[in-house]
Amino acid sequence: MLALRKLKLGSLIAAAALTLASPAIAEEQVTLKYSSFLPATTVNNALSAKALIDKAAELSDGTLKIELYPGGSLVSGGEVQLKLVQDGVADIAEIPLPYTPGRVTGLDVFELPGLTSSNSDGALASLALIEQGLIGGMDGLIPLGMLQSGPYFIHLAEPIEKLSDLRGKKLRISGQMQAQIVARLGAVPVSNIPATALAENVSRGLIDGALVDTGNLYNFGVGDLLTYHVTNLPLGAFAVLFGLSEDSYEALPPKAKAAIDQLKGEWYTTELGKNMDGQTADVMARLEASDAHHFIELSERDLTKAKTVLKQVEKQWLARSDKNPDILAAAHAALGK
């Protein structure tokens, strides 16, 4: 009996020693800074980033904390988000690639008119092209997630009846591809208007409309200002890379790195696309329920004209690099076209 009591006491002492030692051998919590130039209320931040933050904490047993800095609270402006990651100010950033032309090459294929039909299909196809090694300029970056926001449509403050009514209309655009698209359609592309200033420019009559993905109309404050929507002429997507610094990733302790390995790529890309598609459906339902909003369908004749002139945008893009024909073919394959 004495021996048994001694054995039990020894076991308890050993267990206590392990319990006391565990904090010392446990991994310390690490924090990754996640920068977004858009408000906390956007679906990317309110839903997708939150899901990422919660899942990272769960998978890492609480050792990985992802801290979101929305609304440009680290540094404002979409055009500086890539530099934040490069300079180590942020570990993760929501990077609008058309704002930094030439840095990441190849993903602008999805800006071509009519290629994508939803946020999700373009996002997953983008990821496939990255994984195939077709996308340049990814050195130092890990694709935590991808989004092809779109498709983009023309939204106007005043009605039009036919394609030729766009002639001379001033439309806000993002990036070089959209500038070419708008110019080919006879309108005037207006650049250098950030999303946060879009509503002010519409209200002051400085622009007549904008190319916007429908799901972001209210995020950009123009949901009740641009009330005429061309619905049957999709004009490409807008590539957003949720880039993770490779240096930050390599410095992670084992549990945190294992969590990121489960979340980067397909998981977060699927989450981003799903939530953006949900937002688009919600906004469309809101527009359709309002008597103030009007939906414009161009005639088949006008659509044929538009597709003919926009084919020149594709030809110019293909001629820009000898890699582009292969990239376009891979994009079609990834999209099942």
C-alpha atoms as a PDB file:
ATOM      1  CA  MET A   1       0.000   0.000   0.000  1.00  0.00           C
ATOM      2  CA  LEU A   2       2.855   2.289   0.819  1.00  0.00           C
ATOM      3  CA  ALA A   3       4.532   1.510  -2.501  1.00  0.00           C
ATOM      4  CA  LEU A   4       1.313   2.280  -4.340  1.00  0.00           C
ATOM      5  CA  ARG A   5       0.960   5.584  -2.523  1.00  0.00           C
ATOM      6  CA  LYS A   6       4.557   6.442  -3.378  1.00  0.00           C
ATOM      7  CA  LEU A   7       3.923   5.601  -7.043  1.00  0.00           C
ATOM      8  CA  LYS A   8       0.840   7.787  -7.147  1.00  0.00           C
ATOM      9  CA  LEU A   9       2.703  10.632  -5.493  1.00  0.00           C
ATOM     10  CA  GLY A  10       5.540  10.294  -7.977  1.00  0.00           C
ATOM     11  CA  SER A  11       3.093  10.376 -10.884  1.00  0.00           C
ATOM     12  CA  LEU A  12       1.437  13.501  -9.541  1.00  0.00           C
ATOM     13  CA  ILE A  13       4.781  15.235  -9.118  1.00  0.00           C
ATOM     14  CA  ALA A  14       5.759  14.333 -12.694  1.00  0.00           C
ATOM     15  CA  ALA A  15       2.426  15.567 -14.048  1.00  0.00           C
ATOM     16  CA  ALA A  16       2.763  18.790 -12.109  1.00  0.00           C
ATOM     17  CA  ALA A  17       6.269  19.260 -13.444  1.00  0.00           C
ATOM     18  CA  LEU A  18       5.010  18.842 -17.014  1.00  0.00           C
ATOM     19  CA  THR A  19       2.169  21.290 -16.379  1.00  0.00           C
ATOM     20  CA  LEU A  20       4.520  23.872 -14.957  1.00  0.00           C
ATOM     21  CA  ALA A  21       6.969  23.380 -17.790  1.00  0.00           C
ATOM     22  CA  SER A  22       4.416  23.640 -20.604  1.00  0.00           C
ATOM     23  CA  PRO A  23       4.232  27.453 -20.743  1.00  0.00           C
ATOM     24  CA  ALA A  24       7.983  27.560 -21.162  1.00  0.00           C
ATOM     25  CA  ILE A  25       7.974  25.167 -24.104  1.00  0.00           C
ATOM     26  CA  ALA A  26       4.765  26.501 -25.685  1.00  0.00           C
ATOM     27  CA  GLU A  27       5.120  28.663 -28.762  1.00  0.00           C
ATOM     28  CA  GLU A  28       4.748  32.377 -28.175  1.00  0.00           C
ATOM     29  CA  GLN A  29       1.923  34.214 -29.912  1.00  0.00           C
ATOM     30  CA  VAL A  30       2.974  36.057 -33.056  1.00  0.00           C
ATOM     31  CA  THR A  31       1.061  38.846 -34.767  1.00  0.00           C
ATOM     32  CA  LEU A  32       0.740  39.531 -38.485  1.00  0.00           C
ATOM     33  CA  LYS A  33      -0.355  43.022 -39.517  1.00  0.00           C
ATOM     34  CA  TYR A  34      -3.018  42.978 -42.254  1.00  0.00           C
ATOM     35  CA  SER A  35      -3.514  46.267 -44.110  1.00  0.00           C
ATOM     36  CA  SER A  36      -6.604  47.223 -46.108  1.00  0.00           C
ATOM     37  CA  PHE A  37      -7.118  50.612 -47.752  1.00  0.00           C
ATOM     38  CA  LEU A  38     -10.888  50.045 -47.741  1.00  0.00           C
ATOM     39  CA  PRO A  39     -13.288  50.599 -44.812  1.00  0.00           C
ATOM     40  CA  ALA A  40     -13.928  47.992 -42.139  1.00  0.00           C
ATOM     41  CA  THR A  41     -17.495  47.634 -43.430  1.00  0.00           C
ATOM     42  CA  THR A  42     -16.539  46.135 -46.813  1.00  0.00           C
ATOM     43  CA  VAL A  43     -17.322  42.461 -47.219  1.00  0.00           C
ATOM     44  CA  ASN A  44     -13.621  41.689 -47.652  1.00  0.00           C
ATOM     45  CA  ASN A  45     -12.929  43.099 -44.202  1.00  0.00           C
ATOM     46  CA  ALA A  46     -16.157  42.458 -42.300  1.00  0.00           C
ATOM     47  CA  LEU A  47     -16.593  38.845 -43.450  1.00  0.00           C
ATOM     48  CA  SER A  48     -13.566  37.419 -45.254  1.00  0.00           C
ATOM     49  CA  ALA A  49     -10.797  38.923 -43.127  1.00  0.00           C
ATOM     50  CA  LYS A  50     -12.728  38.089 -39.958  1.00  0.00           C
ATOM     51  CA  ALA A  51     -13.069  34.462 -41.072  1.00  0.00           C
ATOM     52  CA  LEU A  52      -9.326  34.349 -41.755  1.00  0.00           C
ATOM     53  CA  ILE A  53      -8.480  35.859 -38.372  1.00  0.00           C
ATOM     54  CA  ASP A  54     -10.734  33.437 -36.490  1.00  0.00           C
ATOM     55  CA  LYS A  55      -9.549  30.388 -38.440  1.00  0.00           C
ATOM     56  CA  ALA A  56      -5.887  31.298 -37.999  1.00  0.00           C
ATOM     57  CA  ALA A  57      -6.333  31.532 -34.238  1.00  0.00           C
ATOM     58  CA  GLU A  58      -8.176  28.204 -34.163  1.00  0.00           C
ATOM     59  CA  LEU A  59      -5.725  26.252 -36.324  1.00  0.00           C
ATOM     60  CA  SER A  60      -2.670  27.624 -34.535  1.00  0.00           C
ATOM     61  CA  ASP A  61      -4.019  26.942 -31.023  1.00  0.00           C
ATOM     62  CA  GLY A  62      -4.033  30.678 -30.419  1.00  0.00           C
ATOM     63  CA  THR A  63      -0.394  31.209 -31.355  1.00  0.00           C
ATOM     64  CA  LEU A  64      -1.162  33.221 -34.520  1.00  0.00           C
ATOM     65  CA  LYS A  65      -2.932  36.554 -34.263  1.00  0.00           C
ATOM     66  CA  ILE A  66      -3.801  38.432 -37.447  1.00  0.00           C
ATOM     67  CA  GLU A  67      -4.513  42.076 -36.726  1.00  0.00           C
ATOM     68  CA  LEU A  68      -6.566  43.970 -39.319  1.00  0.00           C
ATOM     69  CA  TYR A  69      -5.842  47.628 -40.084  1.00  0.00           C
ATOM     70  CA  PRO A  70      -8.749  48.767 -42.315  1.00  0.00           C
ATOM     71  CA  GLY A  71      -9.466  52.103 -43.924  1.00  0.00           C
ATOM     72  CA  GLY A  72      -5.817  52.841 -44.637  1.00  0.00           C
ATOM     73  CA  SER A  73      -5.067  53.111 -40.919  1.00  0.00           C
ATOM     74  CA  LEU A  74      -1.469  51.990 -41.493  1.00  0.00           C
ATOM     75  CA  VAL A  75      -1.036  54.072 -44.658  1.00  0.00           C
ATOM     76  CA  SER A  76      -3.931  55.216 -46.830  1.00  0.00           C
ATOM     77  CA  GLY A  77      -4.236  54.673 -50.563  1.00  0.00           C
ATOM     78  CA  GLY A  78      -4.495  51.542 -52.657  1.00  0.00           C
ATOM     79  CA  GLU A  79      -1.393  52.437 -54.640  1.00  0.00           C
ATOM     80  CA  VAL A  80       0.898  52.102 -51.579  1.00  0.00           C
ATOM     81  CA  GLN A  81      -0.351  48.764 -50.239  1.00  0.00           C
ATOM     82  CA  LEU A  82       2.215  46.698 -52.139  1.00  0.00           C
ATOM     83  CA  LYS A  83       5.028  48.896 -50.845  1.00  0.00           C
ATOM     84  CA  LEU A  84       3.793  48.411 -47.272  1.00  0.00           C
ATOM     85  CA  VAL A  85       4.464  44.687 -47.607  1.00  0.00           C
ATOM     86  CA  GLN A  86       7.760  45.190 -49.417  1.00  0.00           C
ATOM     87  CA  ASP A  87       8.984  47.593 -46.715  1.00  0.00           C
ATOM     88  CA  GLY A  88       7.823  45.406 -43.827  1.00  0.00           C
ATOM     89  CA  VAL A  89       5.279  47.920 -42.530  1.00  0.00           C
ATOM     90  CA  ALA A  90       2.556  45.301 -43.063  1.00  0.00           C
ATOM     91  CA  ASP A  91       2.826  41.530 -43.291  1.00  0.00           C
ATOM     92  CA  ILE A  92      -0.350  41.160 -45.357  1.00  0.00           C
ATOM     93  CA  ALA A  93      -2.060  43.710 -47.587  1.00  0.00           C
ATOM     94  CA  GLU A  94      -5.079  43.995 -49.840  1.00  0.00           C
ATOM     95  CA  ILE A  95      -3.286  45.065 -53.026  1.00  0.00           C
ATOM     96  CA  PRO A  96      -5.281  46.428 -55.992  1.00  0.00           C
ATOM     97  CA  LEU A  97      -2.953  45.391 -58.808  1.00  0.00           C
ATOM     98  CA  PRO A  98      -4.143  47.905 -61.459  1.00  0.00           C
ATOM     99  CA  TYR A  99      -2.957  50.663 -59.084  1.00  0.00           C
ATOM    100  CA  THR A 100       0.630  49.400 -59.467  1.00  0.00           C
ATOM    101  CA  PRO A 101       0.849  48.548 -63.180  1.00  0.00           C
ATOM    102  CA  GLY A 102       3.778  46.435 -64.307  1.00  0.00           C
ATOM    103  CA  ARG A 103       4.710  45.089 -60.883  1.00  0.00           C
ATOM    104  CA  VAL A 104       2.737  41.832 -61.112  1.00  0.00           C
ATOM    105  CA  THR A 105       2.313  40.782 -64.727  1.00  0.00           C
ATOM    106  CA  GLY A 106      -0.239  38.492 -66.342  1.00  0.00           C
ATOM    107  CA  LEU A 107      -3.184  38.799 -63.989  1.00  0.00           C
ATOM    108  CA  ASP A 108      -4.481  41.706 -66.039  1.00  0.00           C
ATOM    109  CA  VAL A 109      -5.760  39.062 -68.466  1.00  0.00           C
ATOM    110  CA  PHE A 110      -8.895  38.972 -66.307  1.00  0.00           C
ATOM    111  CA  GLU A 111      -9.457  42.674 -66.984  1.00  0.00           C
ATOM    112  CA  LEU A 112     -10.303  41.756 -70.581  1.00  0.00           C
ATOM    113  CA  PRO A 113     -14.024  42.282 -71.293  1.00  0.00           C
ATOM    114  CA  GLY A 114     -16.314  39.287 -71.021  1.00  0.00           C
ATOM    115  CA  LEU A 115     -13.793  36.824 -69.605  1.00  0.00           C
ATOM    116  CA  THR A 116     -15.122  36.333 -66.064  1.00  0.00           C
ATOM    117  CA  SER A 117     -18.719  35.947 -64.934  1.00  0.00           C
ATOM    118  CA  SER A 118     -18.329  36.155 -61.141  1.00  0.00           C
ATOM    119  CA  ASN A 119     -15.909  37.048 -58.381  1.00  0.00           C
ATOM    120  CA  SER A 120     -15.335  33.391 -57.557  1.00  0.00           C
ATOM    121  CA  ASP A 121     -14.529  32.033 -61.004  1.00  0.00           C
ATOM    122  CA  GLY A 122     -12.001  34.777 -61.734  1.00  0.00           C
ATOM    123  CA  ALA A 123     -10.394  34.470 -58.306  1.00  0.00           C
ATOM    124  CA  LEU A 124      -9.816  30.715 -58.507  1.00  0.00           C
ATOM    125  CA  ALA A 125      -8.639  30.970 -62.110  1.00  0.00           C
ATOM    126  CA  SER A 126      -6.136  33.649 -61.055  1.00  0.00           C
ATOM    127  CA  LEU A 127      -4.803  31.377 -58.354  1.00  0.00           C
ATOM    128  CA  ALA A 128      -4.437  28.565 -60.890  1.00  0.00           C
ATOM    129  CA  LEU A 129      -2.325  30.782 -63.159  1.00  0.00           C
ATOM    130  CA  ILE A 130      -0.080  31.775 -60.250  1.00  0.00           C
ATOM    131  CA  GLU A 131       0.391  28.131 -59.282  1.00  0.00           C
ATOM    132  CA  GLN A 132       1.265  27.297 -62.907  1.00  0.00           C
ATOM    133  CA  GLY A 133       4.086  29.853 -62.779  1.00  0.00           C
ATOM    134  CA  LEU A 134       2.557  32.038 -65.488  1.00  0.00           C
ATOM    135  CA  ILE A 135       2.384  35.209 -63.407  1.00  0.00           C
ATOM    136  CA  GLY A 136       5.463  37.402 -63.090  1.00  0.00           C
ATOM    137  CA  GLY A 137       6.534  39.720 -60.291  1.00  0.00           C
ATOM    138  CA  MET A 138       5.483  37.511 -57.391  1.00  0.00           C
ATOM    139  CA  ASP A 139       8.981  37.416 -55.890  1.00  0.00           C
ATOM    140  CA  GLY A 140       8.832  38.108 -52.163  1.00  0.00           C
ATOM    141  CA  LEU A 141       5.063  37.588 -52.120  1.00  0.00           C
ATOM    142  CA  ILE A 142       2.894  34.629 -51.206  1.00  0.00           C
ATOM    143  CA  PRO A 143      -0.689  34.656 -52.525  1.00  0.00           C
ATOM    144  CA  LEU A 144      -2.634  34.384 -49.292  1.00  0.00           C
ATOM    145  CA  GLY A 145      -5.726  34.957 -51.410  1.00  0.00           C
ATOM    146  CA  MET A 146      -6.860  36.295 -54.777  1.00  0.00           C
ATOM    147  CA  LEU A 147      -9.916  38.181 -55.892  1.00  0.00           C
ATOM    148  CA  GLN A 148     -11.085  39.223 -59.322  1.00  0.00           C
ATOM    149  CA  SER A 149     -13.651  41.796 -58.299  1.00  0.00           C
ATOM    150  CA  GLY A 150     -16.322  41.929 -60.932  1.00  0.00           C
ATOM    151  CA  PRO A 151     -17.401  41.772 -63.551  1.00  0.00           C
ATOM    152  CA  TYR A 152     -17.421  45.544 -63.953  1.00  0.00           C
ATOM    153  CA  PHE A 153     -20.382  47.276 -65.569  1.00  0.00           C
ATOM    154  CA  ILE A 154     -21.196  50.827 -66.614  1.00  0.00           C
ATOM    155  CA  HIS A 155     -23.232  52.717 -64.003  1.00  0.00           C
ATOM    156  CA  LEU A 156     -24.538  56.197 -64.843  1.00  0.00           C
ATOM    157  CA  ALA A 157     -26.222  59.182 -63.234  1.00  0.00           C
ATOM    158  CA  GLU A 158     -28.383  59.824 -66.325  1.00  0.00           C
ATOM    159  CA  PRO A 159     -30.095  57.392 -68.721  1.00  0.00           C
ATOM    160  CA  ILE A 160     -28.848  56.195 -72.086  1.00  0.00           C
ATOM    161  CA  GLU A 161     -30.787  54.249 -74.690  1.00  0.00           C
ATOM    162  CA  LYS A 162     -28.057  53.014 -76.998  1.00  0.00           C
ATOM    163  CA  LEU A 163     -24.320  52.490 -77.155  1.00  0.00           C
ATOM    164  CA  SER A 164     -23.678  55.716 -79.064  1.00  0.00           C
ATOM    165  CA  ASP A 165     -25.175  57.685 -76.147  1.00  0.00           C
ATOM    166  CA  LEU A 166     -21.953  56.953 -74.251  1.00  0.00           C
ATOM    167  CA  ARG A 167     -20.017  59.236 -76.575  1.00  0.00           C
ATOM    168  CA  GLY A 168     -18.440  62.037 -74.559  1.00  0.00           C
ATOM    169  CA  LYS A 169     -19.619  60.686 -71.199  1.00  0.00           C
ATOM    170  CA  LYS A 170     -16.955  61.039 -68.509  1.00  0.00           C
ATOM    171  CA  LEU A 171     -16.529  57.684 -66.760  1.00  0.00           C
ATOM    172  CA  ARG A 172     -14.269  57.007 -63.810  1.00  0.00           C
ATOM    173  CA  ILE A 173     -11.935  54.080 -64.456  1.00  0.00           C
ATOM    174  CA  SER A 174      -9.283  52.112 -62.560  1.00  0.00           C
ATOM    175  CA  GLY A 175      -6.178  51.169 -64.485  1.00  0.00           C
ATOM    176  CA  GLN A 176      -4.943  51.160 -68.052  1.00  0.00           C
ATOM    177  CA  MET A 177      -7.161  48.365 -69.344  1.00  0.00           C
ATOM    178  CA  GLN A 178     -10.358  50.101 -68.259  1.00  0.00           C
ATOM    179  CA  ALA A 179      -9.103  53.324 -69.839  1.00  0.00           C
ATOM    180  CA  GLN A 180      -8.769  51.524 -73.180  1.00  0.00           C
ATOM    181  CA  ILE A 181     -12.190  49.893 -72.811  1.00  0.00           C
ATOM    182  CA  VAL A 182     -13.973  53.165 -72.083  1.00  0.00           C
ATOM    183  CA  ALA A 183     -12.184  55.000 -74.892  1.00  0.00           C
ATOM    184  CA  ARG A 184     -13.078  52.239 -77.387  1.00  0.00           C
ATOM    185  CA  LEU A 185     -16.741  52.652 -76.429  1.00  0.00           C
ATOM    186  CA  GLY A 186     -16.557  56.366 -77.217  1.00  0.00           C
ATOM    187  CA  ALA A 187     -16.637  57.646 -73.641  1.00  0.00           C
ATOM    188  CA  VAL A 188     -13.959  59.667 -71.841  1.00  0.00           C
ATOM    189  CA  PRO A 189     -11.915  57.738 -69.253  1.00  0.00           C
ATOM    190  CA  VAL A 190     -11.249  59.666 -66.037  1.00  0.00           C
ATOM    191  CA  SER A 191      -8.497  58.290 -63.812  1.00  0.00           C
ATOM    192  CA  ASN A 192      -6.910  59.265 -60.489  1.00  0.00           C
ATOM    193  CA  ILE A 193     -10.198  59.273 -58.595  1.00  0.00           C
ATOM    194  CA  PRO A 194      -9.884  56.941 -55.609  1.00  0.00           C
ATOM    195  CA  ALA A 195     -12.901  54.879 -54.649  1.00  0.00           C
ATOM    196  CA  THR A 196     -13.318  56.987 -51.512  1.00  0.00           C
ATOM    197  CA  ALA A 197     -13.744  60.145 -53.655  1.00  0.00           C
ATOM    198  CA  LEU A 198     -16.089  58.641 -56.229  1.00  0.00           C
ATOM    199  CA  ALA A 199     -19.315  59.850 -54.607  1.00  0.00           C
ATOM    200  CA  GLU A 200     -18.057  63.424 -54.308  1.00  0.00           C
ATOM    201  CA  ASN A 201     -17.091  63.545 -57.982  1.00  0.00           C
ATOM    202  CA  VAL A 202     -20.496  62.215 -59.044  1.00  0.00           C
ATOM    203  CA  SER A 203     -22.339  64.636 -56.736  1.00  0.00           C
ATOM    204  CA  ARG A 204     -20.424  67.605 -58.134  1.00  0.00           C
ATOM    205  CA  GLY A 205     -21.131  66.557 -61.714  1.00  0.00           C
ATOM    206  CA  LEU A 206     -17.453  66.121 -62.512  1.00  0.00           C
ATOM    207  CA  ILE A 207     -18.109  62.655 -63.933  1.00  0.00           C
ATOM    208  CA  ASP A 208     -21.174  61.094 -65.522  1.00  0.00           C
ATOM    209  CA  GLY A 209     -20.650  57.597 -64.205  1.00  0.00           C
ATOM    210  CA  ALA A 210     -18.143  54.886 -63.508  1.00  0.00           C
ATOM    211  CA  LEU A 211     -17.046  51.370 -64.218  1.00  0.00           C
ATOM    212  CA  VAL A 212     -17.824  49.593 -60.957  1.00  0.00           C
ATOM    213  CA  ASP A 213     -18.479  46.029 -59.936  1.00  0.00           C
ATOM    214  CA  THR A 214     -22.104  46.083 -58.858  1.00  0.00           C
ATOM    215  CA  GLY A 215     -21.389  44.644 -55.428  1.00  0.00           C
ATOM    216  CA  ASN A 216     -19.315  47.687 -54.460  1.00  0.00           C
ATOM    217  CA  LEU A 217     -21.772  50.433 -55.438  1.00  0.00           C
ATOM    218  CA  TYR A 218     -22.800  51.111 -51.851  1.00  0.00           C
ATOM    219  CA  ASN A 219     -19.313  50.539 -50.438  1.00  0.00           C
ATOM    220  CA  PHE A 220     -18.117  53.354 -52.692  1.00  0.00           C
ATOM    221  CA  GLY A 221     -21.038  55.602 -51.720  1.00  0.00           C
ATOM    222  CA  VAL A 222     -22.637  55.779 -55.183  1.00  0.00           C
ATOM    223  CA  GLY A 223     -25.454  53.273 -54.788  1.00  0.00           C
ATOM    224  CA  ASP A 224     -28.033  56.058 -54.695  1.00  0.00           C
ATOM    225  CA  LEU A 225     -26.191  58.406 -57.083  1.00  0.00           C
ATOM    226  CA  LEU A 226     -25.602  56.165 -60.088  1.00  0.00           C
ATOM    227  CA  THR A 227     -29.082  54.848 -60.765  1.00  0.00           C
ATOM    228  CA  TYR A 228     -28.837  53.695 -64.399  1.00  0.00           C
ATOM    229  CA  HIS A 229     -27.118  50.360 -64.853  1.00  0.00           C
ATOM    230  CA  VAL A 230     -26.031  48.707 -68.110  1.00  0.00           C
ATOM    231  CA  THR A 231     -26.520  45.056 -67.253  1.00  0.00           C
ATOM    232  CA  ASN A 232     -25.613  43.027 -70.342  1.00  0.00           C
ATOM    233  CA  LEU A 233     -22.131  44.306 -71.202  1.00  0.00           C
ATOM    234  CA  PRO A 234     -19.595  42.886 -68.691  1.00  0.00           C
ATOM    235  CA  LEU A 235     -16.341  44.809 -68.952  1.00  0.00           C
ATOM    236  CA  GLY A 236     -13.747  42.717 -67.177  1.00  0.00           C
ATOM    237  CA  ALA A 237     -12.661  42.254 -63.598  1.00  0.00           C
ATOM    238  CA  PHE A 238     -10.297  44.022 -61.206  1.00  0.00           C
ATOM    239  CA  ALA A 239      -7.440  41.996 -59.740  1.00  0.00           C
ATOM    240  CA  VAL A 240      -6.829  42.223 -56.004  1.00  0.00           C
ATOM    241  CA  LEU A 241      -3.943  40.278 -54.488  1.00  0.00           C
ATOM    242  CA  PHE A 242      -4.027  39.542 -50.781  1.00  0.00           C
ATOM    243  CA  GLY A 243      -0.275  39.317 -50.544  1.00  0.00           C
ATOM    244  CA  LEU A 244       1.683  37.873 -47.636  1.00  0.00           C
ATOM    245  CA  SER A 245       5.328  38.817 -47.223  1.00  0.00           C
ATOM    246  CA  GLU A 246       7.499  35.765 -47.852  1.00  0.00           C
ATOM    247  CA  ASP A 247       9.918  36.981 -45.158  1.00  0.00           C
ATOM    248  CA  SER A 248       7.080  37.227 -42.627  1.00  0.00           C
ATOM    249  CA  TYR A 249       5.890  33.746 -43.566  1.00  0.00           C
ATOM    250  CA  GLU A 250       9.340  32.170 -43.235  1.00  0.00           C
ATOM    251  CA  ALA A 251       9.811  33.770 -39.802  1.00  0.00           C
ATOM    252  CA  LEU A 252       6.652  32.166 -38.379  1.00  0.00           C
ATOM    253  CA  PRO A 253       7.007  29.477 -35.701  1.00  0.00           C
ATOM    254  CA  PRO A 254       5.816  25.967 -36.646  1.00  0.00           C
ATOM    255  CA  LYS A 255       2.188  26.117 -35.450  1.00  0.00           C
ATOM    256  CA  ALA A 256       1.560  29.520 -36.985  1.00  0.00           C
ATOM    257  CA  LYS A 257       3.178  28.498 -40.266  1.00  0.00           C
ATOM    258  CA  ALA A 258       1.142  25.282 -40.374  1.00  0.00           C
ATOM    259  CA  ALA A 259      -2.036  27.337 -39.916  1.00  0.00           C
ATOM    260  CA  ILE A 260      -1.107  29.650 -42.782  1.00  0.00           C
ATOM    261  CA  ASP A 261      -0.317  26.629 -44.961  1.00  0.00           C
ATOM    262  CA  GLN A 262      -3.916  25.482 -44.529  1.00  0.00           C
ATOM    263  CA  LEU A 263      -5.383  28.923 -45.203  1.00  0.00           C
ATOM    264  CA  LYS A 264      -3.295  30.402 -47.996  1.00  0.00           C
ATOM    265  CA  GLY A 265      -4.300  29.932 -51.585  1.00  0.00           C
ATOM    266  CA  GLU A 266      -7.513  28.031 -52.204  1.00  0.00           C
ATOM    267  CA  TRP A 267      -9.138  28.406 -48.771  1.00  0.00           C
ATOM    268  CA  TYR A 268      -8.900  32.183 -48.526  1.00  0.00           C
ATOM    269  CA  THR A 269      -9.501  32.709 -52.244  1.00  0.00           C
ATOM    270  CA  THR A 270     -12.720  30.672 -52.010  1.00  0.00           C
ATOM    271  CA  GLU A 271     -13.797  32.652 -48.941  1.00  0.00           C
ATOM    272  CA  LEU A 272     -13.154  35.982 -50.670  1.00  0.00           C
ATOM    273  CA  GLY A 273     -14.990  34.997 -53.850  1.00  0.00           C
ATOM    274  CA  LYS A 274     -17.959  33.505 -52.025  1.00  0.00           C
ATOM    275  CA  ASN A 275     -18.493  36.578 -49.879  1.00  0.00           C
ATOM    276  CA  MET A 276     -18.089  39.009 -52.776  1.00  0.00           C
ATOM    277  CA  ASP A 277     -20.587  37.036 -54.869  1.00  0.00           C
ATOM    278  CA  GLY A 278     -22.985  37.128 -51.932  1.00  0.00           C
ATOM    279  CA  GLN A 279     -22.570  40.887 -51.664  1.00  0.00           C
ATOM    280  CA  THR A 280     -23.226  41.304 -55.399  1.00  0.00           C
ATOM    281  CA  ALA A 281     -26.445  39.291 -55.124  1.00  0.00           C
ATOM    282  CA  ASP A 282     -27.561  41.375 -52.131  1.00  0.00           C
ATOM    283  CA  VAL A 283     -26.869  44.664 -53.910  1.00  0.00           C
ATOM    284  CA  MET A 284     -28.680  43.521 -57.057  1.00  0.00           C
ATOM    285  CA  ALA A 285     -31.711  42.585 -54.970  1.00  0.00           C
ATOM    286  CA  ARG A 286     -31.605  46.005 -53.312  1.00  0.00           C
ATOM    287  CA  LEU A 287     -31.415  47.793 -56.665  1.00  0.00           C
ATOM    288  CA  GLU A 288     -34.231  45.717 -58.145  1.00  0.00           C
ATOM    289  CA  ALA A 289     -36.464  46.505 -55.167  1.00  0.00           C
ATOM    290  CA  SER A 290     -36.031  50.260 -55.653  1.00  0.00           C
ATOM    291  CA  ASP A 291     -38.112  52.320 -58.080  1.00  0.00           C
ATOM    292  CA  ALA A 292     -35.209  54.778 -58.298  1.00  0.00           C
ATOM    293  CA  HIS A 293     -32.990  52.318 -60.142  1.00  0.00           C
ATOM    294  CA  HIS A 294     -33.206  51.480 -63.833  1.00  0.00           C
ATOM    295  CA  PHE A 295     -31.640  48.611 -65.761  1.00  0.00           C
ATOM    296  CA  ILE A 296     -30.486  49.126 -69.318  1.00  0.00           C
ATOM    297  CA  GLU A 297     -30.052  46.265 -71.754  1.00  0.00           C
ATOM    298  CA  LEU A 298     -28.264  47.179 -74.946  1.00  0.00           C
ATOM    299  CA  SER A 299     -29.681  45.821 -78.186  1.00  0.00           C
ATOM    300  CA  GLU A 300     -28.086  42.841 -79.905  1.00  0.00           C
ATOM    301  CA  ARG A 301     -26.872  45.206 -82.594  1.00  0.00           C
ATOM    302  CA  ASP A 302     -25.155  47.413 -80.013  1.00  0.00           C
ATOM    303  CA  LEU A 303     -23.658  44.395 -78.254  1.00  0.00           C
ATOM    304  CA  THR A 304     -22.187  43.206 -81.532  1.00  0.00           C
ATOM    305  CA  LYS A 305     -20.695  46.669 -82.107  1.00  0.00           C
ATOM    306  CA  ALA A 306     -19.269  46.756 -78.591  1.00  0.00           C
ATOM    307  CA  LYS A 307     -17.726  43.310 -78.854  1.00  0.00           C
ATOM    308  CA  THR A 308     -16.167  44.208 -82.192  1.00  0.00           C
ATOM    309  CA  VAL A 309     -14.444  47.349 -80.917  1.00  0.00           C
ATOM    310  CA  LEU A 310     -13.471  45.715 -77.625  1.00  0.00           C
ATOM    311  CA  LYS A 311     -11.779  42.886 -79.510  1.00  0.00           C
ATOM    312  CA  GLN A 312      -9.102  45.467 -80.301  1.00  0.00           C
ATOM    313  CA  VAL A 313      -8.365  45.780 -76.581  1.00  0.00           C
ATOM    314  CA  GLU A 314      -7.676  42.050 -76.457  1.00  0.00           C
ATOM    315  CA  LYS A 315      -5.488  42.201 -79.575  1.00  0.00           C
ATOM    316  CA  GLN A 316      -3.406  45.005 -78.089  1.00  0.00           C
ATOM    317  CA  TRP A 317      -3.000  43.087 -74.839  1.00  0.00           C
ATOM    318  CA  LEU A 318      -1.928  39.922 -76.671  1.00  0.00           C
ATOM    319  CA  ALA A 319       0.677  41.860 -78.644  1.00  0.00           C
ATOM    320  CA  ARG A 320       2.178  43.412 -75.520  1.00  0.00           C
ATOM    321  CA  SER A 321       4.094  40.268 -74.500  1.00  0.00           C
ATOM    322  CA  ASP A 322       4.955  36.979 -76.158  1.00  0.00           C
ATOM    323  CA  LYS A 323       3.750  35.299 -72.943  1.00  0.00           C
ATOM    324  CA  ASN A 324       0.248  36.746 -73.147  1.00  0.00           C
ATOM    325  CA  PRO A 325      -1.225  34.263 -75.667  1.00  0.00           C
ATOM    326  CA  ASP A 326      -0.311  31.381 -73.339  1.00  0.00           C
ATOM    327  CA  ILE A 327      -1.703  33.277 -70.356  1.00  0.00           C
ATOM    328  CA  LEU A 328      -5.011  33.902 -72.134  1.00  0.00           C
ATOM    329  CA  ALA A 329      -5.243  30.242 -73.164  1.00  0.00           C
ATOM    330  CA  ALA A 330      -4.552  29.174 -69.573  1.00  0.00           C
ATOM    331  CA  ALA A 331      -7.190  31.605 -68.287  1.00  0.00           C
ATOM    332  CA  HIS A 332      -9.766  30.165 -70.684  1.00  0.00           C
ATOM    333  CA  ALA A 333      -8.863  26.648 -69.538  1.00  0.00           C
ATOM    334  CA  ALA A 334      -9.079  27.591 -65.851  1.00  0.00           C
ATOM    335  CA  LEU A 335     -12.487  29.164 -66.459  1.00  0.00           C
ATOM    336  CA  GLY A 336     -13.693  26.139 -68.419  1.00  0.00           C
ATOM    337  CA  LYS A 337     -14.099  28.113 -71.644  1.00  0.00           C
END
